[in-house]
Amino acid sequence: MQAKRGWLRELPLHLMILPGLVLVIIYQYIPMLGIAIAFQKYIPALGITGSKWIGLGNFKYVMDMPDTFQVLWNTIYIAFMKIVIGLIVPIVISLLLNELRTKFVKRGVQTLIYLPHFLSWVILGGILVDILSPSNGIVNQLIAWFGWKPIFFLGDNRWFPFVLVISHQWKEFGFSTIVYLAALTSINPSLYEAAVMDGANRWKQTWHITLPGMMPIIILMATLSMGNILNAGFDQVFNLYSPSVYDSGDIIDTLVYRLGLLDAQFGVATAIGLFKSVVSFLFISVSYWLAYRFANYRIF
């Protein structure tokens, strides 16, 4: 009887989650049937059931492509830099913001650094194209003012990966900073009072109290970010890259886009996407295990 009452009490919650569950099934699980395309010579007119089954032929074709390993390296290299810088910058900014005592200034800075998160890469891409233009961009004007030669940031393979990493941090570090600022509020203020009485300056307080207090969140964010090791940011790269920087900026997602939508090689594109999904799943599984092991993080 008590179990029945508990079920009736929880029924409204199950009904509330039902629409979201239906959408997940429709848009996430049913499309997974299309994985079969990765093992077929897929022809849209014949459909999945009528297309010829070729087994691992698409995967072999991908491995034989001359640019495959360069694209894989670009993806890992760019994503790894984004993960590392994406951990360092928000931590430093949150520590600096924590030292501000004027609430108006602190909230104003938080708002300014948080705003780019809400802008799409279509907008930010246009802004970056203007800012980094080799002819009249403000960055190259500043470089020319020092007597140096202009740099084609979006057309030079040496500079393009760093443009991606820096612009990504410009957009996202404000959002990540909120997480670390929230972690700072959980540190017991009496620890700082005791440190002051012992003669510790602000640097020692930060090193011995603030950073250790933030460490569980830092470990958690670092381990969970491992799942993005093959996600270098399609929206950003697609809006900024060009054929001249394919050698350094072409990633798995943009390769899938060109092969699948532009060249109509649906089977090959699906094979690459399946490979990425499997590897990402393994990294996500490992990252959640590490988060549970070192940060006591549980999904439920």
Protein backbone atom coordinates (compact mmCIF):
# COMPACT_ATOMS: atom_id res chain seq x y z
CA MET A 1 0.00 0.00 0.00
CA GLN A 2 2.80 2.38 0.92
CA ALA A 3 4.64 1.55 -2.31
CA LYS A 4 1.49 2.31 -4.31
CA ARG A 5 1.12 5.69 -2.60
CA GLY A 6 4.76 6.47 -3.36
CA TRP A 7 4.20 5.62 -7.04
CA LEU A 8 1.12 7.85 -7.19
CA ARG A 9 3.06 10.67 -5.52
CA GLU A 10 5.85 10.38 -8.10
CA LEU A 11 3.51 10.01 -11.10
CA PRO A 12 3.40 13.79 -11.88
CA LEU A 13 7.21 13.81 -12.03
CA HIS A 14 7.22 10.92 -14.50
CA LEU A 15 4.61 12.68 -16.62
CA MET A 16 6.73 15.85 -16.62
CA ILE A 17 9.77 13.97 -17.90
CA LEU A 18 7.78 12.03 -20.51
CA PRO A 19 7.88 14.72 -23.30
CA GLY A 20 11.65 15.06 -22.95
CA LEU A 21 12.03 11.27 -23.01
CA VAL A 22 9.94 11.05 -26.20
CA LEU A 23 12.07 13.72 -27.88
CA VAL A 24 15.28 11.91 -26.89
CA ILE A 25 13.96 8.65 -28.37
CA ILE A 26 12.84 10.32 -31.60
CA TYR A 27 15.90 12.48 -32.22
CA GLN A 28 18.67 10.50 -30.51
CA TYR A 29 17.89 6.77 -30.53
CA ILE A 30 15.82 6.20 -33.68
CA PRO A 31 18.45 7.93 -35.90
CA MET A 32 21.01 5.44 -34.55
CA LEU A 33 19.50 2.93 -36.99
CA GLY A 34 21.35 4.93 -39.65
CA ILE A 35 24.62 3.49 -38.35
CA ALA A 36 24.02 0.71 -40.87
CA ILE A 37 24.98 3.18 -43.61
CA ALA A 38 28.59 2.99 -42.38
CA PHE A 39 28.71 -0.61 -43.61
CA GLN A 40 26.97 -0.02 -46.94
CA LYS A 41 27.59 1.54 -50.31
CA TYR A 42 24.66 3.76 -49.56
CA ILE A 43 22.52 5.12 -52.37
CA PRO A 44 19.67 7.41 -51.21
CA ALA A 45 17.33 6.17 -53.94
CA LEU A 46 17.66 2.59 -52.67
CA GLY A 47 17.54 3.41 -48.98
CA ILE A 48 19.12 1.47 -46.14
CA THR A 49 17.37 -1.79 -46.99
CA GLY A 50 18.26 -1.68 -50.69
CA SER A 51 21.85 -0.43 -50.59
CA LYS A 52 24.69 -2.91 -51.05
CA TRP A 53 26.36 -4.22 -47.88
CA ILE A 54 30.16 -3.84 -48.06
CA GLY A 55 31.17 -4.56 -44.46
CA LEU A 56 34.26 -2.61 -43.38
CA GLY A 57 34.89 -1.26 -46.87
CA ASN A 58 34.11 2.34 -45.90
CA PHE A 59 36.47 2.17 -42.93
CA LYS A 60 39.23 0.82 -45.15
CA TYR A 61 38.59 3.64 -47.62
CA VAL A 62 38.90 6.18 -44.80
CA MET A 63 42.18 4.67 -43.60
CA ASP A 64 43.56 4.84 -47.15
CA MET A 65 42.65 8.51 -47.60
CA PRO A 66 45.82 10.66 -47.64
CA ASP A 67 44.45 13.29 -45.23
CA THR A 68 42.88 11.03 -42.62
CA PHE A 69 45.70 11.02 -40.08
CA GLN A 70 46.37 14.74 -40.56
CA VAL A 71 42.70 15.47 -39.85
CA LEU A 72 42.80 13.20 -36.79
CA TRP A 73 45.93 14.95 -35.54
CA ASN A 74 44.38 18.39 -36.11
CA THR A 75 41.29 17.36 -34.15
CA ILE A 76 43.21 15.99 -31.17
CA TYR A 77 45.73 18.85 -31.18
CA ILE A 78 43.13 21.63 -31.29
CA ALA A 79 40.78 19.91 -28.84
CA PHE A 80 43.60 19.20 -26.38
CA MET A 81 44.75 22.83 -26.42
CA LYS A 82 41.17 23.98 -25.87
CA ILE A 83 40.78 21.62 -22.92
CA VAL A 84 44.04 22.68 -21.25
CA ILE A 85 43.58 26.43 -21.80
CA GLY A 86 39.90 26.02 -20.93
CA LEU A 87 40.92 24.82 -17.48
CA ILE A 88 43.68 27.33 -16.77
CA VAL A 89 42.02 30.58 -17.90
CA PRO A 90 38.72 30.24 -15.94
CA ILE A 91 40.59 29.24 -12.78
CA VAL A 92 42.88 32.28 -12.98
CA ILE A 93 40.00 34.65 -13.79
CA SER A 94 37.85 33.26 -10.96
CA LEU A 95 40.74 33.75 -8.50
CA LEU A 96 41.19 37.33 -9.68
CA LEU A 97 37.46 38.07 -9.49
CA ASN A 98 37.40 36.60 -6.00
CA GLU A 99 39.88 39.24 -4.89
CA LEU A 100 37.60 42.10 -5.97
CA ARG A 101 35.80 43.65 -3.05
CA THR A 102 33.55 46.09 -4.95
CA LYS A 103 30.45 44.07 -5.85
CA PHE A 104 29.42 46.44 -8.64
CA VAL A 105 32.75 46.05 -10.44
CA LYS A 106 32.83 42.30 -9.82
CA ARG A 107 29.35 41.74 -11.26
CA GLY A 108 30.06 44.06 -14.17
CA VAL A 109 33.19 42.12 -15.14
CA GLN A 110 31.33 38.84 -14.79
CA THR A 111 28.60 40.07 -17.12
CA LEU A 112 31.07 41.33 -19.74
CA ILE A 113 33.07 38.10 -19.91
CA TYR A 114 29.87 36.00 -19.87
CA LEU A 115 28.13 37.76 -22.80
CA PRO A 116 30.12 36.18 -25.70
CA HIS A 117 28.84 32.76 -24.62
CA PHE A 118 25.39 33.70 -25.91
CA LEU A 119 26.62 34.73 -29.37
CA SER A 120 26.72 32.18 -32.17
CA TRP A 121 29.86 31.48 -34.16
CA VAL A 122 28.16 32.96 -37.21
CA ILE A 123 28.25 36.35 -35.48
CA LEU A 124 31.61 35.90 -33.79
CA GLY A 125 33.10 34.52 -37.01
CA GLY A 126 32.19 37.73 -38.83
CA ILE A 127 33.64 39.80 -36.00
CA LEU A 128 36.91 37.84 -36.06
CA VAL A 129 37.19 38.13 -39.85
CA ASP A 130 37.01 41.92 -39.50
CA ILE A 131 39.32 42.11 -36.49
CA LEU A 132 41.97 39.82 -37.99
CA SER A 133 41.80 41.09 -41.57
CA PRO A 134 45.34 41.40 -43.00
CA SER A 135 44.51 44.69 -44.72
CA ASN A 136 42.43 46.78 -42.31
CA GLY A 137 41.89 44.62 -39.22
CA ILE A 138 42.56 46.31 -35.90
CA VAL A 139 45.05 43.61 -34.84
CA ASN A 140 47.18 43.98 -37.97
CA GLN A 141 46.96 47.77 -37.73
CA LEU A 142 48.45 47.48 -34.26
CA ILE A 143 51.13 45.12 -35.58
CA ALA A 144 51.97 47.55 -38.40
CA TRP A 145 52.16 50.39 -35.85
CA PHE A 146 55.08 48.52 -34.23
CA GLY A 147 56.73 48.20 -37.65
CA TRP A 148 56.05 44.48 -38.16
CA LYS A 149 54.58 42.78 -41.20
CA PRO A 150 50.82 42.01 -41.20
CA ILE A 151 49.82 38.42 -40.43
CA PHE A 152 47.08 36.55 -42.28
CA PHE A 153 45.75 34.85 -39.13
CA LEU A 154 42.88 33.04 -40.85
CA GLY A 155 44.92 31.99 -43.88
CA ASP A 156 48.23 30.91 -42.35
CA ASN A 157 48.59 27.31 -41.16
CA ARG A 158 51.05 28.38 -38.47
CA TRP A 159 48.60 30.75 -36.83
CA PHE A 160 45.16 29.28 -37.52
CA PRO A 161 45.08 26.64 -34.71
CA PHE A 162 46.03 29.29 -32.15
CA VAL A 163 43.31 31.60 -33.47
CA LEU A 164 40.81 28.79 -32.91
CA VAL A 165 41.97 28.16 -29.35
CA ILE A 166 42.15 31.82 -28.31
CA SER A 167 38.82 32.77 -29.88
CA HIS A 168 37.17 29.72 -28.28
CA GLN A 169 38.39 30.84 -24.86
CA TRP A 170 37.20 34.38 -25.54
CA LYS A 171 33.72 32.97 -26.09
CA GLU A 172 33.52 30.31 -23.38
CA PHE A 173 35.80 31.14 -20.44
CA GLY A 174 33.19 33.41 -18.84
CA PHE A 175 30.72 30.52 -18.63
CA SER A 176 33.32 28.20 -17.10
CA THR A 177 34.36 30.89 -14.61
CA ILE A 178 30.90 30.69 -13.01
CA VAL A 179 31.54 27.08 -12.01
CA TYR A 180 34.77 27.97 -10.21
CA LEU A 181 33.25 31.04 -8.57
CA ALA A 182 30.52 28.80 -7.21
CA ALA A 183 33.22 26.46 -5.85
CA LEU A 184 34.88 29.40 -4.08
CA THR A 185 31.68 30.14 -2.15
CA SER A 186 31.84 26.69 -0.53
CA ILE A 187 35.20 27.39 1.16
CA ASN A 188 34.84 28.06 4.89
CA PRO A 189 35.67 31.75 5.60
CA SER A 190 37.08 30.80 9.01
CA LEU A 191 40.03 29.20 7.20
CA TYR A 192 41.03 32.60 5.83
CA GLU A 193 40.59 34.21 9.25
CA ALA A 194 42.87 31.60 10.81
CA ALA A 195 45.43 32.11 8.01
CA VAL A 196 45.44 35.89 8.59
CA MET A 197 46.05 35.35 12.30
CA ASP A 198 49.00 33.10 11.38
CA GLY A 199 50.44 35.87 9.20
CA ALA A 200 49.65 34.39 5.76
CA ASN A 201 49.48 36.92 2.92
CA ARG A 202 46.99 36.78 0.04
CA TRP A 203 49.26 34.64 -2.11
CA LYS A 204 49.74 32.03 0.64
CA GLN A 205 46.01 32.06 1.36
CA THR A 206 45.32 31.39 -2.30
CA TRP A 207 47.93 28.64 -2.55
CA HIS A 208 47.12 26.81 0.69
CA ILE A 209 43.35 27.43 1.10
CA THR A 210 41.66 28.60 -2.11
CA LEU A 211 43.24 26.20 -4.61
CA PRO A 212 42.91 23.11 -2.35
CA GLY A 213 39.28 24.08 -1.74
CA MET A 214 38.69 24.27 -5.52
CA MET A 215 40.60 21.08 -6.28
CA PRO A 216 37.58 18.69 -6.31
CA ILE A 217 35.83 20.87 -8.92
CA ILE A 218 39.06 21.28 -10.90
CA ILE A 219 39.56 17.50 -10.99
CA LEU A 220 35.92 16.98 -11.93
CA MET A 221 36.01 19.50 -14.80
CA ALA A 222 39.34 18.13 -16.06
CA THR A 223 38.16 14.52 -16.12
CA LEU A 224 34.80 15.29 -17.71
CA SER A 225 36.47 17.35 -20.43
CA MET A 226 38.23 14.20 -21.67
CA GLY A 227 35.03 13.31 -23.48
CA ASN A 228 35.61 16.26 -25.81
CA ILE A 229 39.04 15.13 -26.99
CA LEU A 230 37.65 14.51 -30.51
CA ASN A 231 35.34 17.52 -30.46
CA ALA A 232 37.33 20.48 -31.73
CA GLY A 233 34.26 22.62 -32.44
CA PHE A 234 32.55 22.28 -35.82
CA ASP A 235 30.65 25.58 -35.67
CA GLN A 236 33.77 27.59 -34.98
CA VAL A 237 36.02 25.87 -37.52
CA PHE A 238 33.34 25.87 -40.23
CA ASN A 239 32.83 29.63 -39.93
CA LEU A 240 36.54 30.48 -39.84
CA TYR A 241 38.45 28.01 -42.01
CA SER A 242 39.15 27.99 -45.74
CA PRO A 243 40.96 25.59 -48.14
CA SER A 244 44.23 27.43 -47.47
CA VAL A 245 44.25 26.21 -43.84
CA TYR A 246 42.97 22.66 -44.32
CA ASP A 247 46.40 21.34 -43.36
CA SER A 248 46.13 22.76 -39.84
CA GLY A 249 42.41 23.43 -39.34
CA ASP A 250 40.52 20.58 -40.98
CA ILE A 251 38.93 18.41 -38.26
CA ILE A 252 36.83 15.25 -38.22
CA ASP A 253 33.50 17.10 -38.20
CA THR A 254 34.36 19.34 -41.16
CA LEU A 255 35.67 16.31 -43.08
CA VAL A 256 32.37 14.52 -42.44
CA TYR A 257 30.50 17.59 -43.66
CA ARG A 258 32.44 17.77 -46.92
CA LEU A 259 32.33 14.03 -47.62
CA GLY A 260 28.69 13.58 -46.67
CA LEU A 261 26.87 16.72 -47.75
CA LEU A 262 29.12 18.12 -50.46
CA ASP A 263 30.52 14.94 -52.05
CA ALA A 264 27.50 12.72 -51.27
CA GLN A 265 29.73 9.92 -49.89
CA PHE A 266 27.23 9.09 -47.18
CA GLY A 267 28.67 5.70 -46.26
CA VAL A 268 32.19 7.06 -45.81
CA ALA A 269 30.97 10.07 -43.82
CA THR A 270 28.89 7.83 -41.55
CA ALA A 271 31.88 5.53 -41.00
CA ILE A 272 34.00 8.48 -39.85
CA GLY A 273 31.20 9.71 -37.61
CA LEU A 274 30.78 6.23 -36.10
CA PHE A 275 34.50 6.00 -35.43
CA LYS A 276 34.43 9.35 -33.66
CA SER A 277 31.37 8.37 -31.62
CA VAL A 278 32.92 5.09 -30.44
CA VAL A 279 36.19 6.74 -29.42
CA SER A 280 34.34 9.60 -27.70
CA PHE A 281 32.16 7.08 -25.85
CA LEU A 282 35.28 5.33 -24.55
CA PHE A 283 36.80 8.62 -23.40
CA ILE A 284 33.55 9.69 -21.75
CA SER A 285 33.31 6.36 -19.92
CA VAL A 286 36.88 6.69 -18.69
CA SER A 287 36.34 10.32 -17.69
CA TYR A 288 33.25 9.48 -15.61
CA TRP A 289 35.16 6.65 -13.92
CA LEU A 290 38.02 9.04 -13.11
CA ALA A 291 35.54 11.65 -11.87
CA TYR A 292 34.01 9.03 -9.58
CA ARG A 293 37.43 7.77 -8.49
CA PHE A 294 39.11 11.10 -7.74
CA ALA A 295 36.25 13.61 -7.25
CA ASN A 296 33.53 11.31 -5.87
CA TYR A 297 31.25 12.37 -8.74
CA ARG A 298 28.14 10.28 -9.40
CA ILE A 299 25.63 10.62 -12.24
CA PHE A 300 22.80 9.55 -9.97
